[in-house]
N, C-alpha and C. Protein backbone atom coordinates (compact mmCIF):
# COMPACT_ATOMS: atom_id res chain seq x y z
N MET A 1 86.72 147.12 113.24
CA MET A 1 85.59 146.46 113.86
C MET A 1 85.99 146.10 115.30
N ASN A 2 85.08 146.30 116.24
CA ASN A 2 85.41 146.05 117.64
C ASN A 2 85.32 144.56 117.97
N GLU A 3 85.96 144.20 119.09
CA GLU A 3 86.05 142.79 119.49
C GLU A 3 84.68 142.19 119.82
N GLU A 4 83.79 142.98 120.38
CA GLU A 4 82.47 142.47 120.73
C GLU A 4 81.71 142.01 119.48
N ARG A 5 81.78 142.79 118.42
CA ARG A 5 81.12 142.43 117.16
C ARG A 5 81.72 141.16 116.58
N ILE A 6 83.03 141.01 116.67
CA ILE A 6 83.70 139.82 116.13
C ILE A 6 83.19 138.55 116.81
N HIS A 7 82.98 138.62 118.13
CA HIS A 7 82.51 137.44 118.86
C HIS A 7 81.04 137.16 118.63
N GLN A 8 80.27 138.11 118.10
CA GLN A 8 78.85 137.91 117.87
C GLN A 8 78.53 137.42 116.47
N ILE A 9 79.42 137.58 115.51
CA ILE A 9 79.13 137.27 114.11
C ILE A 9 78.90 135.78 113.89
N LEU A 10 79.78 134.94 114.40
CA LEU A 10 79.65 133.49 114.21
C LEU A 10 78.74 132.94 115.30
N LEU A 11 77.58 132.42 114.92
CA LEU A 11 76.63 131.90 115.89
C LEU A 11 76.95 130.47 116.28
N ARG A 12 77.21 129.61 115.28
CA ARG A 12 77.55 128.22 115.57
C ARG A 12 78.07 127.56 114.30
N PRO A 13 78.90 126.52 114.44
CA PRO A 13 79.29 125.75 113.27
C PRO A 13 78.15 124.81 112.89
N LEU A 14 78.00 124.56 111.61
CA LEU A 14 76.97 123.64 111.13
C LEU A 14 77.65 122.33 110.75
N VAL A 15 77.23 121.27 111.41
CA VAL A 15 77.79 119.95 111.15
C VAL A 15 76.68 119.09 110.55
N SER A 16 76.84 118.75 109.29
CA SER A 16 75.89 117.90 108.60
C SER A 16 76.68 117.05 107.61
N GLU A 17 75.97 116.20 106.91
CA GLU A 17 76.65 115.37 105.91
C GLU A 17 77.24 116.24 104.80
N LYS A 18 76.50 117.24 104.39
CA LYS A 18 76.97 118.14 103.32
C LYS A 18 78.17 118.97 103.77
N SER A 19 78.14 119.49 104.99
CA SER A 19 79.26 120.31 105.46
C SER A 19 80.51 119.47 105.71
N THR A 20 80.33 118.24 106.16
CA THR A 20 81.47 117.34 106.35
C THR A 20 82.10 116.99 105.02
N SER A 21 81.27 116.77 104.00
CA SER A 21 81.78 116.50 102.65
C SER A 21 82.55 117.71 102.11
N ALA A 22 82.03 118.92 102.35
CA ALA A 22 82.71 120.14 101.90
C ALA A 22 84.04 120.30 102.62
N ALA A 23 84.10 119.93 103.88
CA ALA A 23 85.36 120.03 104.63
C ALA A 23 86.39 119.06 104.08
N ASP A 24 85.96 117.87 103.71
CA ASP A 24 86.89 116.86 103.20
C ASP A 24 87.39 117.18 101.80
N THR A 25 86.49 117.61 100.93
CA THR A 25 86.87 117.80 99.52
C THR A 25 87.41 119.19 99.22
N SER A 26 86.85 120.24 99.85
CA SER A 26 87.19 121.60 99.47
C SER A 26 87.86 122.41 100.56
N ASN A 27 88.13 121.80 101.71
CA ASN A 27 88.73 122.50 102.84
C ASN A 27 87.86 123.69 103.28
N GLN A 28 86.54 123.46 103.36
CA GLN A 28 85.59 124.49 103.75
C GLN A 28 84.98 124.15 105.11
N VAL A 29 84.64 125.21 105.86
CA VAL A 29 83.95 125.09 107.13
C VAL A 29 82.66 125.88 107.01
N VAL A 30 81.56 125.37 107.58
CA VAL A 30 80.26 126.01 107.43
C VAL A 30 79.81 126.55 108.79
N PHE A 31 79.36 127.81 108.80
CA PHE A 31 78.90 128.47 110.01
C PHE A 31 77.53 129.07 109.80
N GLU A 32 76.73 129.12 110.87
CA GLU A 32 75.55 129.97 110.88
C GLU A 32 76.02 131.33 111.40
N VAL A 33 75.69 132.40 110.69
CA VAL A 33 76.18 133.73 111.03
C VAL A 33 75.01 134.69 111.21
N LEU A 34 75.30 135.87 111.73
CA LEU A 34 74.27 136.90 111.88
C LEU A 34 73.70 137.28 110.52
N ARG A 35 72.45 137.65 110.49
CA ARG A 35 71.80 137.99 109.22
C ARG A 35 72.35 139.26 108.60
N ASP A 36 72.92 140.17 109.40
CA ASP A 36 73.44 141.42 108.85
C ASP A 36 74.96 141.38 108.63
N ALA A 37 75.59 140.22 108.80
CA ALA A 37 77.04 140.10 108.61
C ALA A 37 77.36 140.05 107.12
N ASN A 38 78.50 140.64 106.75
CA ASN A 38 78.94 140.58 105.35
C ASN A 38 80.21 139.73 105.25
N LYS A 39 80.70 139.54 104.03
CA LYS A 39 81.83 138.65 103.80
C LYS A 39 83.10 139.11 104.51
N LYS A 40 83.35 140.41 104.51
CA LYS A 40 84.56 140.93 105.15
C LYS A 40 84.54 140.70 106.65
N GLU A 41 83.37 140.89 107.28
CA GLU A 41 83.25 140.67 108.71
C GLU A 41 83.42 139.19 109.06
N ILE A 42 82.85 138.32 108.27
CA ILE A 42 82.96 136.88 108.51
C ILE A 42 84.41 136.44 108.37
N ARG A 43 85.08 136.92 107.34
CA ARG A 43 86.49 136.57 107.13
C ARG A 43 87.33 137.01 108.33
N LEU A 44 87.14 138.24 108.78
CA LEU A 44 87.91 138.76 109.90
C LEU A 44 87.61 137.99 111.18
N ALA A 45 86.36 137.66 111.42
CA ALA A 45 85.98 136.92 112.63
C ALA A 45 86.62 135.53 112.66
N VAL A 46 86.57 134.81 111.54
CA VAL A 46 87.15 133.46 111.49
C VAL A 46 88.67 133.53 111.65
N GLU A 47 89.31 134.49 111.00
CA GLU A 47 90.76 134.60 111.10
C GLU A 47 91.21 134.93 112.51
N ARG A 48 90.49 135.82 113.19
CA ARG A 48 90.89 136.21 114.54
C ARG A 48 90.54 135.16 115.59
N LEU A 49 89.37 134.55 115.48
CA LEU A 49 88.94 133.61 116.52
C LEU A 49 89.66 132.26 116.43
N PHE A 50 89.95 131.79 115.22
CA PHE A 50 90.53 130.47 115.06
C PHE A 50 91.98 130.48 114.60
N ASP A 51 92.55 131.66 114.38
CA ASP A 51 93.95 131.82 113.98
C ASP A 51 94.28 130.99 112.72
N VAL A 52 93.47 131.19 111.68
CA VAL A 52 93.67 130.52 110.39
C VAL A 52 93.66 131.58 109.28
N THR A 53 94.04 131.17 108.09
CA THR A 53 94.00 132.05 106.93
C THR A 53 92.80 131.66 106.08
N VAL A 54 91.95 132.64 105.77
CA VAL A 54 90.74 132.40 104.98
C VAL A 54 91.03 132.74 103.53
N LYS A 55 90.68 131.80 102.65
CA LYS A 55 90.88 132.00 101.21
C LYS A 55 89.68 132.70 100.58
N SER A 56 88.45 132.27 100.92
CA SER A 56 87.25 132.90 100.38
C SER A 56 86.06 132.61 101.28
N VAL A 57 85.01 133.42 101.09
CA VAL A 57 83.77 133.27 101.86
C VAL A 57 82.60 133.31 100.90
N GLN A 58 81.68 132.36 101.02
CA GLN A 58 80.44 132.35 100.25
C GLN A 58 79.28 132.38 101.23
N ILE A 59 78.28 133.22 100.94
CA ILE A 59 77.15 133.42 101.84
C ILE A 59 75.86 132.95 101.18
N ILE A 60 75.02 132.29 101.96
CA ILE A 60 73.72 131.83 101.48
C ILE A 60 72.66 132.28 102.48
N ASN A 61 71.60 132.92 101.98
CA ASN A 61 70.45 133.25 102.81
C ASN A 61 69.47 132.10 102.74
N VAL A 62 69.19 131.47 103.88
CA VAL A 62 68.29 130.33 103.94
C VAL A 62 66.92 130.84 104.38
N ARG A 63 65.94 130.69 103.51
CA ARG A 63 64.59 131.16 103.81
C ARG A 63 63.90 130.19 104.77
N GLY A 64 63.14 130.76 105.68
CA GLY A 64 62.43 129.95 106.67
C GLY A 64 61.27 129.20 106.03
N LYS A 65 61.08 127.96 106.43
CA LYS A 65 59.99 127.15 105.90
C LYS A 65 58.66 127.57 106.50
N VAL A 66 57.62 127.47 105.70
CA VAL A 66 56.27 127.69 106.21
C VAL A 66 55.78 126.38 106.80
N LYS A 67 55.39 126.41 108.05
CA LYS A 67 54.93 125.22 108.76
C LYS A 67 53.55 125.49 109.35
N ARG A 68 52.87 124.42 109.69
CA ARG A 68 51.56 124.56 110.35
C ARG A 68 51.71 124.13 111.80
N PHE A 69 51.12 124.89 112.69
CA PHE A 69 51.06 124.56 114.10
C PHE A 69 49.60 124.35 114.46
N GLY A 70 49.14 123.12 114.30
CA GLY A 70 47.72 122.85 114.45
C GLY A 70 46.98 123.45 113.25
N ARG A 71 46.05 124.34 113.52
CA ARG A 71 45.31 124.99 112.43
C ARG A 71 45.99 126.27 111.94
N THR A 72 46.86 126.83 112.76
CA THR A 72 47.43 128.13 112.41
C THR A 72 48.75 127.95 111.65
N PRO A 73 48.90 128.66 110.55
CA PRO A 73 50.17 128.60 109.83
C PRO A 73 51.23 129.44 110.54
N GLY A 74 52.45 129.02 110.44
CA GLY A 74 53.57 129.76 111.02
C GLY A 74 54.76 129.67 110.10
N GLN A 75 55.83 130.33 110.47
CA GLN A 75 57.03 130.31 109.64
C GLN A 75 58.27 130.23 110.52
N ARG A 76 59.19 129.36 110.14
CA ARG A 76 60.48 129.29 110.82
C ARG A 76 61.29 130.52 110.42
N PRO A 77 62.24 130.91 111.27
CA PRO A 77 63.00 132.13 110.95
C PRO A 77 63.95 131.95 109.77
N THR A 78 64.18 133.02 109.06
CA THR A 78 65.17 133.06 107.98
C THR A 78 66.54 133.26 108.62
N TRP A 79 67.58 132.59 108.07
CA TRP A 79 68.91 132.70 108.65
C TRP A 79 69.96 132.71 107.54
N LYS A 80 71.20 132.96 107.92
CA LYS A 80 72.28 133.09 106.95
C LYS A 80 73.36 132.05 107.25
N LYS A 81 73.86 131.44 106.17
CA LYS A 81 74.89 130.41 106.27
C LYS A 81 76.12 130.88 105.50
N ALA A 82 77.32 130.61 106.04
CA ALA A 82 78.56 131.02 105.39
C ALA A 82 79.46 129.80 105.19
N TYR A 83 79.89 129.61 103.95
CA TYR A 83 80.90 128.60 103.62
C TYR A 83 82.25 129.32 103.58
N VAL A 84 83.15 128.95 104.47
CA VAL A 84 84.45 129.60 104.59
C VAL A 84 85.51 128.63 104.09
N ARG A 85 86.19 129.01 103.00
CA ARG A 85 87.27 128.16 102.46
C ARG A 85 88.58 128.59 103.10
N LEU A 86 89.25 127.62 103.71
CA LEU A 86 90.52 127.88 104.38
C LEU A 86 91.68 127.66 103.42
N ALA A 87 92.81 128.29 103.72
CA ALA A 87 94.01 128.12 102.90
C ALA A 87 94.50 126.68 103.03
N ASP A 88 95.31 126.26 102.08
CA ASP A 88 95.84 124.89 102.09
C ASP A 88 96.66 124.67 103.35
N GLY A 89 96.44 123.54 103.99
CA GLY A 89 97.16 123.19 105.20
C GLY A 89 96.53 123.72 106.48
N GLU A 90 95.52 124.57 106.39
CA GLU A 90 94.84 125.12 107.55
C GLU A 90 93.67 124.21 107.93
N ASP A 91 93.32 124.19 109.23
CA ASP A 91 92.23 123.35 109.69
C ASP A 91 91.67 123.93 110.98
N ILE A 92 90.36 123.78 111.18
CA ILE A 92 89.70 124.16 112.42
C ILE A 92 89.16 122.88 113.05
N ASN A 93 89.63 122.60 114.27
CA ASN A 93 89.18 121.41 114.98
C ASN A 93 88.24 121.84 116.10
N PHE A 94 86.95 121.54 115.96
CA PHE A 94 85.96 121.93 116.95
C PHE A 94 85.95 121.02 118.16
N MET A 95 86.60 119.89 118.10
CA MET A 95 86.60 118.92 119.19
C MET A 95 87.80 119.11 120.14
N GLU A 96 88.61 120.16 119.98
CA GLU A 96 89.79 120.35 120.81
C GLU A 96 89.47 120.53 122.29
N GLY A 97 88.43 121.28 122.60
CA GLY A 97 88.12 121.61 123.99
C GLY A 97 87.49 120.49 124.79
N ILE A 98 87.14 119.40 124.12
CA ILE A 98 86.45 118.31 124.82
C ILE A 98 87.43 117.35 125.43
């Protein structure tokens, strides 16, 4: 896989109460990823970009909610979420650059 694809797979880390709890209890990090990314690509991207060892990857397709915009119905986009379990002793600190 080329370097350009690796940098495009991970869109952003997801920080919420649930993802913080997963990080504390299960050593997992949650990312929003490209919709066409698979587990092998996500594993490779996390290992190369953050220099950590990935134990497992779980993927969830999040369906977009149907919302109303005035009288017209609309829909939020569908997206993909990845739970990445890191090896014991590994950690990703997103606040390093600040």
